[in-house]
PDB file of all heavy atoms in Angstrom:
ATOM      1  N   ALA A   1     -37.617 -18.179  -7.486  1.00  0.00           N
ATOM      2  CA  ALA A   1     -38.334 -18.209  -8.732  1.00  0.00           C
ATOM      3  C   ALA A   1     -37.534 -17.622  -9.891  1.00  0.00           C
ATOM      4  O   ALA A   1     -37.736 -17.977 -11.072  1.00  0.00           O
ATOM      5  CB  ALA A   1     -39.672 -17.423  -8.593  1.00  0.00           C
ATOM      6  N   THR A   2     -36.598 -16.704  -9.579  1.00  0.00           N
ATOM      7  CA  THR A   2     -35.784 -16.041 -10.623  1.00  0.00           C
ATOM      8  C   THR A   2     -34.982 -17.104 -11.409  1.00  0.00           C
ATOM      9  O   THR A   2     -34.889 -17.010 -12.663  1.00  0.00           O
ATOM     10  CB  THR A   2     -34.826 -15.031 -10.010  1.00  0.00           C
ATOM     11  OG1 THR A   2     -35.594 -14.024  -9.380  1.00  0.00           O
ATOM     12  CG2 THR A   2     -33.939 -14.387 -11.081  1.00  0.00           C
ATOM     13  N   TYR A   3     -34.399 -18.075 -10.728  1.00  0.00           N
ATOM     14  CA  TYR A   3     -33.604 -19.100 -11.390  1.00  0.00           C
ATOM     15  C   TYR A   3     -34.399 -19.820 -12.495  1.00  0.00           C
ATOM     16  O   TYR A   3     -34.002 -19.829 -13.671  1.00  0.00           O
ATOM     17  CB  TYR A   3     -33.075 -20.050 -10.280  1.00  0.00           C
ATOM     18  CG  TYR A   3     -32.424 -21.312 -10.730  1.00  0.00           C
ATOM     19  CD1 TYR A   3     -31.606 -21.404 -11.869  1.00  0.00           C
ATOM     20  CD2 TYR A   3     -32.575 -22.449  -9.927  1.00  0.00           C
ATOM     21  CE1 TYR A   3     -31.037 -22.586 -12.256  1.00  0.00           C
ATOM     22  CE2 TYR A   3     -31.967 -23.691 -10.308  1.00  0.00           C
ATOM     23  CZ  TYR A   3     -31.216 -23.748 -11.450  1.00  0.00           C
ATOM     24  OH  TYR A   3     -30.638 -24.883 -11.819  1.00  0.00           O
ATOM     25  N   PRO A   4     -35.518 -20.501 -12.158  1.00  0.00           N
ATOM     26  CA  PRO A   4     -36.227 -21.199 -13.264  1.00  0.00           C
ATOM     27  C   PRO A   4     -36.846 -20.247 -14.259  1.00  0.00           C
ATOM     28  O   PRO A   4     -37.021 -20.625 -15.430  1.00  0.00           O
ATOM     29  CB  PRO A   4     -37.322 -22.005 -12.536  1.00  0.00           C
ATOM     30  CG  PRO A   4     -37.453 -21.313 -11.213  1.00  0.00           C
ATOM     31  CD  PRO A   4     -36.118 -20.781 -10.852  1.00  0.00           C
ATOM     32  N   LEU A   5     -37.171 -19.008 -13.876  1.00  0.00           N
ATOM     33  CA  LEU A   5     -37.686 -18.059 -14.845  1.00  0.00           C
ATOM     34  C   LEU A   5     -36.670 -17.698 -15.919  1.00  0.00           C
ATOM     35  O   LEU A   5     -36.960 -17.722 -17.113  1.00  0.00           O
ATOM     36  CB  LEU A   5     -38.182 -16.812 -14.146  1.00  0.00           C
ATOM     37  CG  LEU A   5     -39.561 -16.838 -13.464  1.00  0.00           C
ATOM     38  CD1 LEU A   5     -39.781 -15.608 -12.616  1.00  0.00           C
ATOM     39  CD2 LEU A   5     -40.681 -17.047 -14.458  1.00  0.00           C
ATOM     40  N   ILE A   6     -35.438 -17.400 -15.472  1.00  0.00           N
ATOM     41  CA  ILE A   6     -34.355 -17.096 -16.468  1.00  0.00           C
ATOM     42  C   ILE A   6     -34.010 -18.371 -17.246  1.00  0.00           C
ATOM     43  O   ILE A   6     -33.803 -18.297 -18.449  1.00  0.00           O
ATOM     44  CB  ILE A   6     -33.121 -16.548 -15.693  1.00  0.00           C
ATOM     45  CG1 ILE A   6     -33.455 -15.268 -15.008  1.00  0.00           C
ATOM     46  CG2 ILE A   6     -31.962 -16.390 -16.659  1.00  0.00           C
ATOM     47  CD1 ILE A   6     -33.847 -14.110 -15.912  1.00  0.00           C
ATOM     48  N   TRP A   7     -33.964 -19.475 -16.579  1.00  0.00           N
ATOM     49  CA  TRP A   7     -33.768 -20.770 -17.217  1.00  0.00           C
ATOM     50  C   TRP A   7     -34.774 -20.974 -18.341  1.00  0.00           C
ATOM     51  O   TRP A   7     -34.451 -21.352 -19.486  1.00  0.00           O
ATOM     52  CB  TRP A   7     -33.800 -21.829 -16.152  1.00  0.00           C
ATOM     53  CG  TRP A   7     -33.701 -23.268 -16.515  1.00  0.00           C
ATOM     54  CD1 TRP A   7     -33.629 -23.795 -17.757  1.00  0.00           C
ATOM     55  CD2 TRP A   7     -33.602 -24.354 -15.607  1.00  0.00           C
ATOM     56  NE1 TRP A   7     -33.509 -25.158 -17.701  1.00  0.00           N
ATOM     57  CE2 TRP A   7     -33.509 -25.532 -16.410  1.00  0.00           C
ATOM     58  CE3 TRP A   7     -33.631 -24.453 -14.217  1.00  0.00           C
ATOM     59  CZ2 TRP A   7     -33.362 -26.841 -15.845  1.00  0.00           C
ATOM     60  CZ3 TRP A   7     -33.513 -25.741 -13.694  1.00  0.00           C
ATOM     61  CH2 TRP A   7     -33.369 -26.861 -14.452  1.00  0.00           C
ATOM     62  N   GLY A   8     -36.062 -20.714 -18.041  1.00  0.00           N
ATOM     63  CA  GLY A   8     -37.116 -20.957 -18.959  1.00  0.00           C
ATOM     64  C   GLY A   8     -37.078 -19.931 -20.102  1.00  0.00           C
ATOM     65  O   GLY A   8     -37.081 -20.344 -21.298  1.00  0.00           O
ATOM     66  N   ILE A   9     -37.040 -18.642 -19.802  1.00  0.00           N
ATOM     67  CA  ILE A   9     -37.027 -17.610 -20.841  1.00  0.00           C
ATOM     68  C   ILE A   9     -35.825 -17.713 -21.715  1.00  0.00           C
ATOM     69  O   ILE A   9     -35.886 -17.542 -22.922  1.00  0.00           O
ATOM     70  CB  ILE A   9     -37.170 -16.212 -20.191  1.00  0.00           C
ATOM     71  CG1 ILE A   9     -38.509 -16.080 -19.489  1.00  0.00           C
ATOM     72  CG2 ILE A   9     -37.007 -15.118 -21.236  1.00  0.00           C
ATOM     73  CD1 ILE A   9     -38.609 -14.806 -18.629  1.00  0.00           C
ATOM     74  N   GLY A  10     -34.652 -17.969 -21.087  1.00  0.00           N
ATOM     75  CA  GLY A  10     -33.440 -18.033 -21.846  1.00  0.00           C
ATOM     76  C   GLY A  10     -33.401 -19.073 -22.913  1.00  0.00           C
ATOM     77  O   GLY A  10     -32.738 -18.899 -23.962  1.00  0.00           O
ATOM     78  N   GLN A  11     -34.185 -20.149 -22.732  1.00  0.00           N
ATOM     79  CA  GLN A  11     -34.170 -21.200 -23.725  1.00  0.00           C
ATOM     80  C   GLN A  11     -34.857 -20.899 -25.013  1.00  0.00           C
ATOM     81  O   GLN A  11     -34.676 -21.582 -26.018  1.00  0.00           O
ATOM     82  CB  GLN A  11     -34.765 -22.481 -23.054  1.00  0.00           C
ATOM     83  CG  GLN A  11     -33.830 -23.058 -22.049  1.00  0.00           C
ATOM     84  CD  GLN A  11     -34.533 -24.255 -21.321  1.00  0.00           C
ATOM     85  OE1 GLN A  11     -34.154 -25.380 -21.549  1.00  0.00           O
ATOM     86  NE2 GLN A  11     -35.442 -23.975 -20.407  1.00  0.00           N
ATOM     87  N   LEU A  12     -35.635 -19.828 -25.003  1.00  0.00           N
ATOM     88  CA  LEU A  12     -36.188 -19.335 -26.302  1.00  0.00           C
ATOM     89  C   LEU A  12     -35.053 -18.995 -27.254  1.00  0.00           C
ATOM     90  O   LEU A  12     -35.161 -19.239 -28.473  1.00  0.00           O
ATOM     91  CB  LEU A  12     -37.056 -18.100 -26.043  1.00  0.00           C
ATOM     92  CG  LEU A  12     -38.471 -18.353 -25.541  1.00  0.00           C
ATOM     93  CD1 LEU A  12     -39.159 -17.020 -25.276  1.00  0.00           C
ATOM     94  CD2 LEU A  12     -39.306 -19.198 -26.536  1.00  0.00           C
ATOM     95  N   GLY A  13     -33.974 -18.377 -26.703  1.00  0.00           N
ATOM     96  CA  GLY A  13     -32.830 -18.020 -27.562  1.00  0.00           C
ATOM     97  C   GLY A  13     -31.830 -19.147 -27.667  1.00  0.00           C
ATOM     98  O   GLY A  13     -31.334 -19.431 -28.736  1.00  0.00           O
ATOM     99  N   THR A  14     -31.540 -19.794 -26.548  1.00  0.00           N
ATOM    100  CA  THR A  14     -30.458 -20.840 -26.582  1.00  0.00           C
ATOM    101  C   THR A  14     -30.883 -22.050 -27.337  1.00  0.00           C
ATOM    102  O   THR A  14     -30.047 -22.747 -27.925  1.00  0.00           O
ATOM    103  CB  THR A  14     -30.015 -21.246 -25.166  1.00  0.00           C
ATOM    104  OG1 THR A  14     -31.158 -21.768 -24.425  1.00  0.00           O
ATOM    105  CG2 THR A  14     -29.450 -20.031 -24.394  1.00  0.00           C
ATOM    106  N   GLY A  15     -32.198 -22.368 -27.361  1.00  0.00           N
ATOM    107  CA  GLY A  15     -32.657 -23.523 -28.198  1.00  0.00           C
ATOM    108  C   GLY A  15     -32.385 -23.259 -29.654  1.00  0.00           C
ATOM    109  O   GLY A  15     -31.911 -24.184 -30.380  1.00  0.00           O
ATOM    110  N   LYS A  16     -32.672 -22.070 -30.091  1.00  0.00           N
ATOM    111  CA  LYS A  16     -32.376 -21.737 -31.517  1.00  0.00           C
ATOM    112  C   LYS A  16     -30.907 -21.693 -31.798  1.00  0.00           C
ATOM    113  O   LYS A  16     -30.458 -22.109 -32.839  1.00  0.00           O
ATOM    114  CB  LYS A  16     -33.037 -20.353 -31.873  1.00  0.00           C
ATOM    115  CG  LYS A  16     -33.033 -20.052 -33.353  1.00  0.00           C
ATOM    116  CD  LYS A  16     -33.841 -21.071 -34.110  1.00  0.00           C
ATOM    117  CE  LYS A  16     -33.865 -20.725 -35.639  1.00  0.00           C
ATOM    118  NZ  LYS A  16     -34.592 -21.758 -36.387  1.00  0.00           N
ATOM    119  N   MET A  17     -30.114 -21.200 -30.821  1.00  0.00           N
ATOM    120  CA  MET A  17     -28.672 -21.246 -30.982  1.00  0.00           C
ATOM    121  C   MET A  17     -28.153 -22.669 -31.162  1.00  0.00           C
ATOM    122  O   MET A  17     -27.195 -22.881 -31.964  1.00  0.00           O
ATOM    123  CB  MET A  17     -28.034 -20.618 -29.727  1.00  0.00           C
ATOM    124  CG  MET A  17     -28.120 -19.117 -29.589  1.00  0.00           C
ATOM    125  SD  MET A  17     -27.581 -18.549 -27.970  1.00  0.00           S
ATOM    126  CE  MET A  17     -25.850 -19.069 -28.055  1.00  0.00           C
ATOM    127  N   ALA A  18     -28.756 -23.640 -30.511  1.00  0.00           N
ATOM    128  CA  ALA A  18     -28.326 -25.019 -30.601  1.00  0.00           C
ATOM    129  C   ALA A  18     -28.510 -25.566 -32.021  1.00  0.00           C
ATOM    130  O   ALA A  18     -27.867 -26.575 -32.358  1.00  0.00           O
ATOM    131  CB  ALA A  18     -29.060 -25.867 -29.584  1.00  0.00           C
ATOM    132  N   ASP A  19     -29.376 -24.946 -32.816  1.00  0.00           N
ATOM    133  CA  ASP A  19     -29.564 -25.370 -34.228  1.00  0.00           C
ATOM    134  C   ASP A  19     -28.486 -24.823 -35.129  1.00  0.00           C
ATOM    135  O   ASP A  19     -28.339 -25.256 -36.231  1.00  0.00           O
ATOM    136  CB  ASP A  19     -30.946 -24.940 -34.690  1.00  0.00           C
ATOM    137  CG  ASP A  19     -32.077 -25.707 -34.096  1.00  0.00           C
ATOM    138  OD1 ASP A  19     -31.896 -26.923 -33.840  1.00  0.00           O
ATOM    139  OD2 ASP A  19     -33.114 -25.095 -33.854  1.00  0.00           O
ATOM    140  N   ARG A  20     -27.722 -23.765 -34.622  1.00  0.00           N
ATOM    141  CA  ARG A  20     -26.788 -23.089 -35.507  1.00  0.00           C
ATOM    142  C   ARG A  20     -25.310 -23.211 -35.059  1.00  0.00           C
ATOM    143  O   ARG A  20     -24.449 -23.191 -35.865  1.00  0.00           O
ATOM    144  CB  ARG A  20     -27.202 -21.613 -35.633  1.00  0.00           C
ATOM    145  CG  ARG A  20     -28.533 -21.320 -36.230  1.00  0.00           C
ATOM    146  CD  ARG A  20     -28.724 -19.880 -36.425  1.00  0.00           C
ATOM    147  NE  ARG A  20     -27.714 -19.295 -37.266  1.00  0.00           N
ATOM    148  CZ  ARG A  20     -27.512 -17.983 -37.412  1.00  0.00           C
ATOM    149  NH1 ARG A  20     -28.221 -17.128 -36.716  1.00  0.00           N
ATOM    150  NH2 ARG A  20     -26.547 -17.545 -38.229  1.00  0.00           N
ATOM    151  N   PHE A  21     -25.134 -23.204 -33.738  1.00  0.00           N
ATOM    152  CA  PHE A  21     -23.791 -23.101 -33.222  1.00  0.00           C
ATOM    153  C   PHE A  21     -23.317 -24.362 -32.549  1.00  0.00           C
ATOM    154  O   PHE A  21     -24.029 -25.368 -32.520  1.00  0.00           O
ATOM    155  CB  PHE A  21     -23.696 -21.913 -32.260  1.00  0.00           C
ATOM    156  CG  PHE A  21     -24.115 -20.610 -32.857  1.00  0.00           C
ATOM    157  CD1 PHE A  21     -25.018 -19.805 -32.215  1.00  0.00           C
ATOM    158  CD2 PHE A  21     -23.538 -20.176 -34.016  1.00  0.00           C
ATOM    159  CE1 PHE A  21     -25.403 -18.572 -32.777  1.00  0.00           C
ATOM    160  CE2 PHE A  21     -23.883 -18.961 -34.611  1.00  0.00           C
ATOM    161  CZ  PHE A  21     -24.842 -18.144 -33.953  1.00  0.00           C
ATOM    162  N   SER A  22     -22.092 -24.337 -32.042  1.00  0.00           N
ATOM    163  CA  SER A  22     -21.460 -25.527 -31.433  1.00  0.00           C
ATOM    164  C   SER A  22     -22.175 -26.009 -30.184  1.00  0.00           C
ATOM    165  O   SER A  22     -22.161 -25.305 -29.173  1.00  0.00           O
ATOM    166  CB  SER A  22     -20.016 -25.205 -31.123  1.00  0.00           C
ATOM    167  OG  SER A  22     -19.444 -26.247 -30.337  1.00  0.00           O
ATOM    168  N   LYS A  23     -22.761 -27.151 -30.252  1.00  0.00           N
ATOM    169  CA  LYS A  23     -23.430 -27.720 -29.108  1.00  0.00           C
ATOM    170  C   LYS A  23     -22.422 -28.017 -27.998  1.00  0.00           C
ATOM    171  O   LYS A  23     -22.672 -27.826 -26.808  1.00  0.00           O
ATOM    172  CB  LYS A  23     -24.195 -28.967 -29.483  1.00  0.00           C
ATOM    173  CG  LYS A  23     -25.408 -28.695 -30.447  1.00  0.00           C
ATOM    174  CD  LYS A  23     -26.097 -29.969 -30.815  1.00  0.00           C
ATOM    175  CE  LYS A  23     -27.310 -29.718 -31.678  1.00  0.00           C
ATOM    176  NZ  LYS A  23     -26.994 -29.180 -32.998  1.00  0.00           N
ATOM    177  N   LYS A  24     -21.261 -28.477 -28.402  1.00  0.00           N
ATOM    178  CA  LYS A  24     -20.194 -28.801 -27.424  1.00  0.00           C
ATOM    179  C   LYS A  24     -19.788 -27.515 -26.653  1.00  0.00           C
ATOM    180  O   LYS A  24     -19.727 -27.520 -25.423  1.00  0.00           O
ATOM    181  CB  LYS A  24     -18.978 -29.366 -28.122  1.00  0.00           C
ATOM    182  CG  LYS A  24     -17.783 -29.566 -27.239  1.00  0.00           C
ATOM    183  CD  LYS A  24     -16.608 -30.167 -27.977  1.00  0.00           C
ATOM    184  CE  LYS A  24     -15.411 -30.323 -27.061  1.00  0.00           C
ATOM    185  NZ  LYS A  24     -14.250 -30.996 -27.754  1.00  0.00           N
ATOM    186  N   LYS A  25     -19.585 -26.421 -27.377  1.00  0.00           N
ATOM    187  CA  LYS A  25     -19.165 -25.214 -26.680  1.00  0.00           C
ATOM    188  C   LYS A  25     -20.283 -24.605 -25.839  1.00  0.00           C
ATOM    189  O   LYS A  25     -20.014 -24.051 -24.761  1.00  0.00           O
ATOM    190  CB  LYS A  25     -18.661 -24.192 -27.716  1.00  0.00           C
ATOM    191  CG  LYS A  25     -17.309 -24.598 -28.337  1.00  0.00           C
ATOM    192  CD  LYS A  25     -16.887 -23.656 -29.437  1.00  0.00           C
ATOM    193  CE  LYS A  25     -15.608 -24.082 -30.113  1.00  0.00           C
ATOM    194  NZ  LYS A  25     -15.171 -23.218 -31.179  1.00  0.00           N
ATOM    195  N   MET A  26     -21.529 -24.756 -26.236  1.00  0.00           N
ATOM    196  CA  MET A  26     -22.611 -24.286 -25.433  1.00  0.00           C
ATOM    197  C   MET A  26     -22.749 -25.067 -24.139  1.00  0.00           C
ATOM    198  O   MET A  26     -22.998 -24.471 -23.051  1.00  0.00           O
ATOM    199  CB  MET A  26     -23.954 -24.366 -26.244  1.00  0.00           C
ATOM    200  CG  MET A  26     -24.017 -23.343 -27.331  1.00  0.00           C
ATOM    201  SD  MET A  26     -25.586 -23.474 -28.291  1.00  0.00           S
ATOM    202  CE  MET A  26     -26.811 -23.058 -27.033  1.00  0.00           C
ATOM    203  N   ILE A  27     -22.577 -26.413 -24.192  1.00  0.00           N
ATOM    204  CA  ILE A  27     -22.666 -27.208 -22.978  1.00  0.00           C
ATOM    205  C   ILE A  27     -21.489 -26.942 -22.081  1.00  0.00           C
ATOM    206  O   ILE A  27     -21.652 -26.769 -20.867  1.00  0.00           O
ATOM    207  CB  ILE A  27     -22.742 -28.716 -23.359  1.00  0.00           C
ATOM    208  CG1 ILE A  27     -24.028 -29.026 -24.106  1.00  0.00           C
ATOM    209  CG2 ILE A  27     -22.588 -29.583 -22.122  1.00  0.00           C
ATOM    210  CD1 ILE A  27     -24.145 -30.425 -24.688  1.00  0.00           C
ATOM    211  N   PHE A  28     -20.269 -26.872 -22.646  1.00  0.00           N
ATOM    212  CA  PHE A  28     -19.088 -26.527 -21.806  1.00  0.00           C
ATOM    213  C   PHE A  28     -19.261 -25.184 -21.129  1.00  0.00           C
ATOM    214  O   PHE A  28     -19.071 -25.070 -19.923  1.00  0.00           O
ATOM    215  CB  PHE A  28     -17.851 -26.539 -22.694  1.00  0.00           C
ATOM    216  CG  PHE A  28     -16.642 -25.897 -22.037  1.00  0.00           C
ATOM    217  CD1 PHE A  28     -15.986 -26.531 -20.977  1.00  0.00           C
ATOM    218  CD2 PHE A  28     -16.207 -24.641 -22.451  1.00  0.00           C
ATOM    219  CE1 PHE A  28     -14.899 -25.960 -20.368  1.00  0.00           C
ATOM    220  CE2 PHE A  28     -15.094 -24.091 -21.837  1.00  0.00           C
ATOM    221  CZ  PHE A  28     -14.431 -24.726 -20.792  1.00  0.00           C
ATOM    222  N   GLY A  29     -19.652 -24.152 -21.880  1.00  0.00           N
ATOM    223  CA  GLY A  29     -19.768 -22.865 -21.301  1.00  0.00           C
ATOM    224  C   GLY A  29     -20.854 -22.741 -20.247  1.00  0.00           C
ATOM    225  O   GLY A  29     -20.682 -22.132 -19.210  1.00  0.00           O
ATOM    226  N   GLY A  30     -21.959 -23.400 -20.519  1.00  0.00           N
ATOM    227  CA  GLY A  30     -23.091 -23.384 -19.575  1.00  0.00           C
ATOM    228  C   GLY A  30     -22.739 -24.088 -18.262  1.00  0.00           C
ATOM    229  O   GLY A  30     -23.055 -23.571 -17.177  1.00  0.00           O
ATOM    230  N   MET A  31     -22.111 -25.219 -18.333  1.00  0.00           N
ATOM    231  CA  MET A  31     -21.737 -25.942 -17.102  1.00  0.00           C
ATOM    232  C   MET A  31     -20.673 -25.160 -16.310  1.00  0.00           C
ATOM    233  O   MET A  31     -20.720 -25.113 -15.060  1.00  0.00           O
ATOM    234  CB  MET A  31     -21.178 -27.336 -17.471  1.00  0.00           C
ATOM    235  CG  MET A  31     -22.175 -28.272 -18.092  1.00  0.00           C
ATOM    236  SD  MET A  31     -23.691 -28.595 -17.127  1.00  0.00           S
ATOM    237  CE  MET A  31     -22.958 -29.544 -15.744  1.00  0.00           C
TER     238      MET A  31
END
């Protein structure tokens, strides 16, 4: 359950980051 919980909660911040920062670098770093 920890995996999807962090996945879910984390997107509150990372979603907003995607409006401001490099989408390419976010996808590369996350993968």
